Amino acid sequence: MTKQEWNNKTVVTEFILLGFGNGPELDSLLLLMFLSIYVATVTGNVFIVVLMWANQHLHTPMYFFLGNLACLEICYSSNILPRMLFSYLVGDRSISVNRCFTQYYFFGCLAVAECYLLAVMSYDRYLAVCKPLHYPSHMNGKLCLQLSVASWMSGFLSNSILTFLISTLDFCWPNEIEHFFCDSFPLIKLSCSGTHVAGLVTSVVVGVCSLPPFLLTFSSYLYIIITVVRIPAATGRKRAFSTCSSHLIVVILFYWSILTVYVLPHRNTQASLNKVFSVFYTILTPLVNPLIYSLRNKEVREALQKQ
């Protein structure tokens, strides 16, 4: 960009999150819907954390990781939904550049952390189903803590690179983000400076951060399925697979939606569709996580009855 071209452009200090459309009736409906989802998400995940902490029978590796996942989902939802609710309530969809970058940073951190935490949980189920005799010695308290810390740290370290890179881009008018939260590709699309490096690095980092945990999760469940199929008794197969079916549902929902958004080619006609898919991994997954684990898990139901 030449100096004259730069002088003819106004550097923006805030963005406009277009969300899902305009209109008082639509805003009221979305406000009610997302408020209900947020309250249910926070309540359900807090309930899981309190139940895991209060019940001695749930002080096991599986529920330790579940408690971590519940904490992550609370942070995940609280990073996106309160800002959405505020915009629908007051009709102000603007967000400052610094707050936008901050939202994107924590979104990316938590998304990567969830990828690795889901992989750790699948590895835990693999050991429990495929190597039950070695499970107590392999999955001890020290290893659980190390895997949990590594999952959280992987997210906060990896997304620092992308956030710094995107924050160095120049943003000019128009300043409207075709999304309901600040994400990498919609932000890069608005930049009036060179975006090739930023787009390339974003794709590489997303691939590095999502592909290894996805392959680990897929491999773990592949071995679990093979082991379960070899169990002679039908009741044994049902009991074994029930220990990981809930986790499998969450994993499928999370990866199906996130890979649809970040792997498929980006076109203008896909903007609305990508927003819909983004709802699954940013809003619905944190909601269904406590529902699936509490309603489909026998130990949780028994712990709840004893309270």
Protein backbone atom coordinates (compact mmCIF):
# COMPACT_ATOMS: atom_id res chain seq x y z
CA MET A 1 0.00 0.00 0.00
CA THR A 2 1.44 3.41 -1.00
CA LYS A 3 1.59 6.35 1.36
CA GLN A 4 -1.17 8.16 -0.57
CA GLU A 5 -3.44 5.07 -0.41
CA TRP A 6 -2.78 4.78 3.31
CA ASN A 7 -3.72 8.41 3.92
CA ASN A 8 -7.06 7.84 2.14
CA LYS A 9 -7.97 5.04 4.57
CA THR A 10 -9.20 5.34 8.13
CA VAL A 11 -7.78 2.83 10.60
CA VAL A 12 -10.64 1.36 12.62
CA THR A 13 -10.72 1.35 16.41
CA GLU A 14 -13.70 -0.97 16.72
CA PHE A 15 -15.46 -3.76 14.86
CA ILE A 16 -19.13 -4.52 14.30
CA LEU A 17 -20.14 -8.12 14.94
CA LEU A 18 -23.02 -8.72 12.53
CA GLY A 19 -24.18 -11.85 14.34
CA PHE A 20 -27.30 -13.56 13.00
CA GLY A 21 -29.18 -10.59 11.58
CA ASN A 22 -31.10 -7.49 12.61
CA GLY A 23 -34.61 -6.78 13.82
CA PRO A 24 -36.22 -6.21 17.24
CA GLU A 25 -38.24 -9.43 17.12
CA LEU A 26 -35.25 -11.54 16.06
CA ASP A 27 -33.01 -9.90 18.65
CA SER A 28 -35.53 -10.63 21.41
CA LEU A 29 -35.82 -14.26 20.33
CA LEU A 30 -32.04 -14.72 20.14
CA LEU A 31 -31.57 -12.99 23.48
CA LEU A 32 -34.02 -15.36 25.17
CA MET A 33 -32.58 -18.43 23.46
CA PHE A 34 -28.91 -17.68 24.14
CA LEU A 35 -29.62 -16.51 27.70
CA SER A 36 -31.35 -19.83 28.42
CA ILE A 37 -28.45 -21.73 26.87
CA TYR A 38 -25.85 -19.77 28.86
CA VAL A 39 -27.65 -20.22 32.19
CA ALA A 40 -28.13 -23.94 31.52
CA THR A 41 -24.48 -24.34 30.43
CA VAL A 42 -23.00 -22.63 33.47
CA THR A 43 -25.42 -24.31 35.89
CA GLY A 44 -24.86 -27.78 34.44
CA ASN A 45 -21.07 -27.53 34.36
CA VAL A 46 -20.84 -25.99 37.83
CA PHE A 47 -23.05 -28.85 39.05
CA ILE A 48 -20.58 -31.37 37.60
CA VAL A 49 -17.58 -29.65 39.21
CA VAL A 50 -19.27 -29.51 42.62
CA LEU A 51 -20.46 -33.12 42.36
CA MET A 52 -16.98 -34.36 41.37
CA TRP A 53 -15.43 -32.47 44.26
CA ALA A 54 -17.99 -33.43 46.92
CA ASN A 55 -18.40 -37.15 46.19
CA GLN A 56 -15.49 -39.40 47.14
CA HIS A 57 -16.65 -42.16 44.79
CA LEU A 58 -16.05 -39.85 41.83
CA HIS A 59 -12.43 -39.08 42.71
CA THR A 60 -11.15 -41.13 39.79
CA PRO A 61 -9.13 -40.17 36.68
CA MET A 62 -12.20 -40.23 34.42
CA TYR A 63 -14.10 -37.76 36.58
CA PHE A 64 -11.02 -35.67 37.26
CA PHE A 65 -10.76 -35.03 33.52
CA LEU A 66 -14.51 -34.51 33.34
CA GLY A 67 -14.23 -31.83 36.01
CA ASN A 68 -11.50 -30.14 34.00
CA LEU A 69 -13.67 -30.28 30.89
CA ALA A 70 -16.58 -28.74 32.80
CA CYS A 71 -14.37 -25.85 33.98
CA LEU A 72 -13.15 -25.35 30.43
CA GLU A 73 -16.71 -25.27 29.08
CA ILE A 74 -17.68 -22.58 31.62
CA CYS A 75 -14.78 -20.40 30.46
CA TYR A 76 -15.51 -21.21 26.81
CA SER A 77 -19.14 -20.08 27.03
CA SER A 78 -18.36 -17.06 29.21
CA ASN A 79 -15.87 -15.80 26.63
CA ILE A 80 -18.52 -15.56 23.88
CA LEU A 81 -22.10 -15.58 25.15
CA PRO A 82 -22.12 -12.62 27.61
CA ARG A 83 -20.91 -10.27 24.86
CA MET A 84 -23.61 -11.61 22.52
CA LEU A 85 -26.29 -11.20 25.18
CA PHE A 86 -25.19 -7.62 25.85
CA SER A 87 -25.35 -6.73 22.16
CA TYR A 88 -28.88 -8.14 21.80
CA LEU A 89 -29.99 -6.44 25.01
CA VAL A 90 -28.80 -2.90 24.26
CA GLY A 91 -28.61 -3.11 20.47
CA ASP A 92 -24.90 -2.28 20.38
CA ARG A 93 -22.90 -4.75 18.28
CA SER A 94 -19.63 -2.85 18.34
CA ILE A 95 -16.53 -4.24 20.03
CA SER A 96 -13.21 -2.47 20.41
CA VAL A 97 -10.21 -3.83 18.55
CA ASN A 98 -8.39 -4.73 21.78
CA ARG A 99 -11.42 -6.54 23.20
CA CYS A 100 -11.88 -8.36 19.92
CA PHE A 101 -8.31 -9.63 19.98
CA THR A 102 -8.71 -10.60 23.63
CA GLN A 103 -11.87 -12.58 22.86
CA TYR A 104 -10.14 -14.31 19.96
CA TYR A 105 -7.10 -15.13 22.10
CA PHE A 106 -9.11 -16.86 24.82
CA PHE A 107 -11.37 -18.56 22.28
CA GLY A 108 -8.37 -20.07 20.50
CA CYS A 109 -6.69 -21.04 23.77
CA LEU A 110 -9.76 -22.83 25.09
CA ALA A 111 -10.54 -24.50 21.74
CA VAL A 112 -7.04 -26.01 21.52
CA ALA A 113 -7.15 -27.00 25.19
CA GLU A 114 -10.45 -28.79 24.60
CA CYS A 115 -8.98 -30.70 21.65
CA TYR A 116 -6.17 -32.03 23.81
CA LEU A 117 -8.36 -32.62 26.85
CA LEU A 118 -10.78 -34.69 24.77
CA ALA A 119 -7.79 -36.66 23.48
CA VAL A 120 -6.58 -37.25 27.03
CA MET A 121 -10.04 -38.45 28.03
CA SER A 122 -10.13 -40.84 25.08
CA TYR A 123 -6.71 -42.20 26.12
CA ASP A 124 -8.03 -42.68 29.65
CA ARG A 125 -10.99 -44.70 28.28
CA TYR A 126 -8.60 -46.68 26.07
CA LEU A 127 -6.56 -47.74 29.10
CA ALA A 128 -9.68 -48.53 31.12
CA VAL A 129 -11.25 -50.71 28.40
CA CYS A 130 -8.25 -52.20 26.59
CA LYS A 131 -5.75 -52.51 29.45
CA PRO A 132 -7.85 -52.74 32.63
CA LEU A 133 -5.20 -54.63 34.65
CA HIS A 134 -2.60 -51.93 34.01
CA TYR A 135 -5.02 -49.01 34.35
CA PRO A 136 -4.45 -48.22 38.08
CA SER A 137 -0.66 -48.11 37.70
CA HIS A 138 -0.65 -46.25 34.37
CA MET A 139 -3.28 -43.61 35.09
CA ASN A 140 -2.14 -42.45 38.53
CA GLY A 141 -2.76 -39.11 40.20
CA LYS A 142 0.55 -37.59 39.09
CA LEU A 143 0.01 -38.47 35.44
CA CYS A 144 -3.57 -37.17 35.54
CA LEU A 145 -2.35 -33.82 36.84
CA GLN A 146 0.44 -33.64 34.24
CA LEU A 147 -1.92 -34.44 31.35
CA SER A 148 -4.45 -31.91 32.57
CA VAL A 149 -1.85 -29.13 32.92
CA ALA A 150 -0.36 -29.99 29.52
CA SER A 151 -3.81 -29.73 27.89
CA TRP A 152 -4.44 -26.27 29.33
CA MET A 153 -0.92 -25.01 28.62
CA SER A 154 -0.96 -26.23 25.00
CA GLY A 155 -3.90 -23.96 24.28
CA PHE A 156 -2.56 -20.84 25.96
CA LEU A 157 0.86 -21.16 24.35
CA SER A 158 -0.18 -22.06 20.80
CA ASN A 159 -2.72 -19.29 20.25
CA SER A 160 -0.33 -16.59 21.46
CA ILE A 161 1.44 -16.80 18.08
CA LEU A 162 -1.73 -16.33 16.05
CA THR A 163 -3.10 -13.55 18.22
CA PHE A 164 0.14 -11.59 17.99
CA LEU A 165 0.33 -12.11 14.22
CA ILE A 166 -3.27 -11.00 13.59
CA SER A 167 -2.91 -8.03 15.94
CA THR A 168 -0.05 -6.69 13.77
CA LEU A 169 -2.32 -6.49 10.71
CA ASP A 170 -3.82 -3.16 9.60
CA PHE A 171 -7.62 -2.94 9.66
CA CYS A 172 -9.47 -0.34 7.62
CA TRP A 173 -13.06 0.19 6.59
CA PRO A 174 -15.36 -1.69 6.29
CA ASN A 175 -15.18 -2.90 9.89
CA GLU A 176 -18.08 -5.38 9.89
CA ILE A 177 -17.23 -8.93 10.95
CA GLU A 178 -19.50 -11.54 9.37
CA HIS A 179 -19.66 -13.59 12.56
CA PHE A 180 -21.07 -13.58 16.10
CA PHE A 181 -17.63 -13.53 17.75
CA CYS A 182 -14.06 -12.57 16.84
CA ASP A 183 -12.45 -15.43 14.92
CA SER A 184 -9.26 -15.64 12.87
CA PHE A 185 -10.50 -15.95 9.27
CA PRO A 186 -13.24 -13.26 9.52
CA LEU A 187 -10.64 -10.92 11.06
CA ILE A 188 -8.00 -11.66 8.44
CA LYS A 189 -10.59 -11.06 5.72
CA LEU A 190 -11.07 -7.47 6.98
CA SER A 191 -7.40 -6.55 6.95
CA CYS A 192 -6.21 -3.97 4.42
CA SER A 193 -2.59 -5.14 4.65
CA GLY A 194 -0.95 -8.30 3.33
CA THR A 195 -2.67 -11.36 4.80
CA HIS A 196 -0.95 -14.24 3.01
CA VAL A 197 1.48 -14.98 5.85
CA ALA A 198 -1.21 -14.60 8.51
CA GLY A 199 -3.56 -16.93 6.65
CA LEU A 200 -0.83 -19.50 6.04
CA VAL A 201 0.40 -19.49 9.64
CA THR A 202 -3.18 -19.71 10.90
CA SER A 203 -3.84 -22.79 8.76
CA VAL A 204 -0.58 -24.41 9.88
CA VAL A 205 -1.15 -23.74 13.59
CA VAL A 206 -4.77 -24.91 13.43
CA GLY A 207 -3.62 -28.11 11.71
CA VAL A 208 -0.81 -28.74 14.19
CA CYS A 209 -3.07 -28.10 17.18
CA SER A 210 -6.09 -30.10 15.99
CA LEU A 211 -4.74 -32.99 13.91
CA PRO A 212 -2.59 -34.78 16.58
CA PRO A 213 -5.33 -34.84 19.25
CA PHE A 214 -7.89 -35.85 16.61
CA LEU A 215 -5.72 -38.77 15.47
CA LEU A 216 -5.09 -39.81 19.08
CA THR A 217 -8.80 -39.68 19.84
CA PHE A 218 -9.68 -41.61 16.68
CA SER A 219 -7.00 -44.24 17.36
CA SER A 220 -8.13 -44.68 20.97
CA TYR A 221 -11.72 -45.30 19.97
CA LEU A 222 -10.67 -47.60 17.15
CA TYR A 223 -8.84 -49.80 19.65
CA ILE A 224 -11.77 -49.56 22.06
CA ILE A 225 -14.23 -50.71 19.40
CA ILE A 226 -11.98 -53.62 18.40
CA THR A 227 -11.63 -54.67 22.04
CA VAL A 228 -15.35 -54.37 22.74
CA VAL A 229 -16.28 -56.43 19.65
CA ARG A 230 -14.04 -59.26 20.89
CA ILE A 231 -15.87 -59.51 24.22
CA PRO A 232 -17.84 -62.80 24.10
CA ALA A 233 -20.89 -61.86 26.14
CA ALA A 234 -23.34 -59.29 24.78
CA THR A 235 -23.86 -57.83 28.26
CA GLY A 236 -20.10 -57.41 28.58
CA ARG A 237 -19.89 -55.55 25.29
CA LYS A 238 -22.72 -53.24 26.32
CA ARG A 239 -21.15 -52.52 29.72
CA ALA A 240 -17.72 -51.84 28.24
CA PHE A 241 -18.92 -49.51 25.50
CA SER A 242 -21.20 -47.59 27.89
CA THR A 243 -18.10 -46.32 29.68
CA CYS A 244 -17.02 -44.31 26.64
CA SER A 245 -20.20 -43.77 24.58
CA SER A 246 -20.90 -40.41 26.25
CA HIS A 247 -17.39 -39.15 25.50
CA LEU A 248 -17.72 -40.36 21.91
CA ILE A 249 -20.89 -38.33 21.39
CA VAL A 250 -19.19 -35.14 22.62
CA VAL A 251 -16.12 -35.79 20.47
CA ILE A 252 -18.17 -36.38 17.30
CA LEU A 253 -20.21 -33.22 17.83
CA PHE A 254 -17.14 -31.10 18.55
CA TYR A 255 -14.86 -32.28 15.75
CA TRP A 256 -17.59 -32.58 13.12
CA SER A 257 -18.51 -28.92 13.52
CA ILE A 258 -15.02 -27.47 13.98
CA LEU A 259 -13.55 -29.35 11.00
CA THR A 260 -16.47 -28.26 8.83
CA VAL A 261 -15.71 -24.61 9.58
CA TYR A 262 -11.91 -24.68 9.34
CA VAL A 263 -11.22 -27.33 6.70
CA LEU A 264 -13.76 -26.60 3.97
CA PRO A 265 -12.85 -23.81 1.49
CA HIS A 266 -13.97 -20.35 2.61
CA ARG A 267 -16.40 -18.61 0.29
CA ASN A 268 -18.71 -15.65 0.80
CA THR A 269 -21.73 -17.88 0.28
CA GLN A 270 -20.57 -20.05 3.18
CA ALA A 271 -20.49 -17.26 5.77
CA SER A 272 -23.97 -17.95 7.13
CA LEU A 273 -23.42 -21.71 7.05
CA ASN A 274 -20.12 -21.38 8.93
CA LYS A 275 -21.86 -19.33 11.61
CA VAL A 276 -24.40 -22.11 12.08
CA PHE A 277 -21.67 -24.76 12.37
CA SER A 278 -19.74 -22.49 14.75
CA VAL A 279 -22.72 -22.55 17.10
CA PHE A 280 -22.18 -26.29 17.60
CA TYR A 281 -18.61 -26.14 18.93
CA THR A 282 -18.84 -22.77 20.70
CA ILE A 283 -22.32 -22.89 22.25
CA LEU A 284 -24.00 -26.30 21.99
CA THR A 285 -21.03 -28.51 22.95
CA PRO A 286 -20.59 -26.78 26.35
CA LEU A 287 -24.35 -27.17 26.85
CA VAL A 288 -24.68 -30.86 26.01
CA ASN A 289 -21.50 -31.90 27.83
CA PRO A 290 -23.05 -31.91 31.36
CA LEU A 291 -26.34 -33.30 30.03
CA ILE A 292 -24.69 -36.25 28.28
CA TYR A 293 -22.33 -37.13 31.12
CA SER A 294 -24.93 -36.77 33.87
CA LEU A 295 -27.88 -38.45 32.16
CA ARG A 296 -25.98 -41.31 30.48
CA ASN A 297 -23.52 -42.11 33.27
CA LYS A 298 -24.56 -44.57 35.96
CA GLU A 299 -22.00 -43.43 38.54
CA VAL A 300 -23.10 -39.79 38.27
CA ARG A 301 -26.76 -40.72 38.70
CA GLU A 302 -25.95 -42.85 41.74
CA ALA A 303 -23.82 -40.07 43.24
CA LEU A 304 -26.65 -37.62 42.71
CA GLN A 305 -29.15 -39.90 44.47
CA LYS A 306 -26.88 -40.17 47.51
CA GLN A 307 -26.58 -36.39 47.93
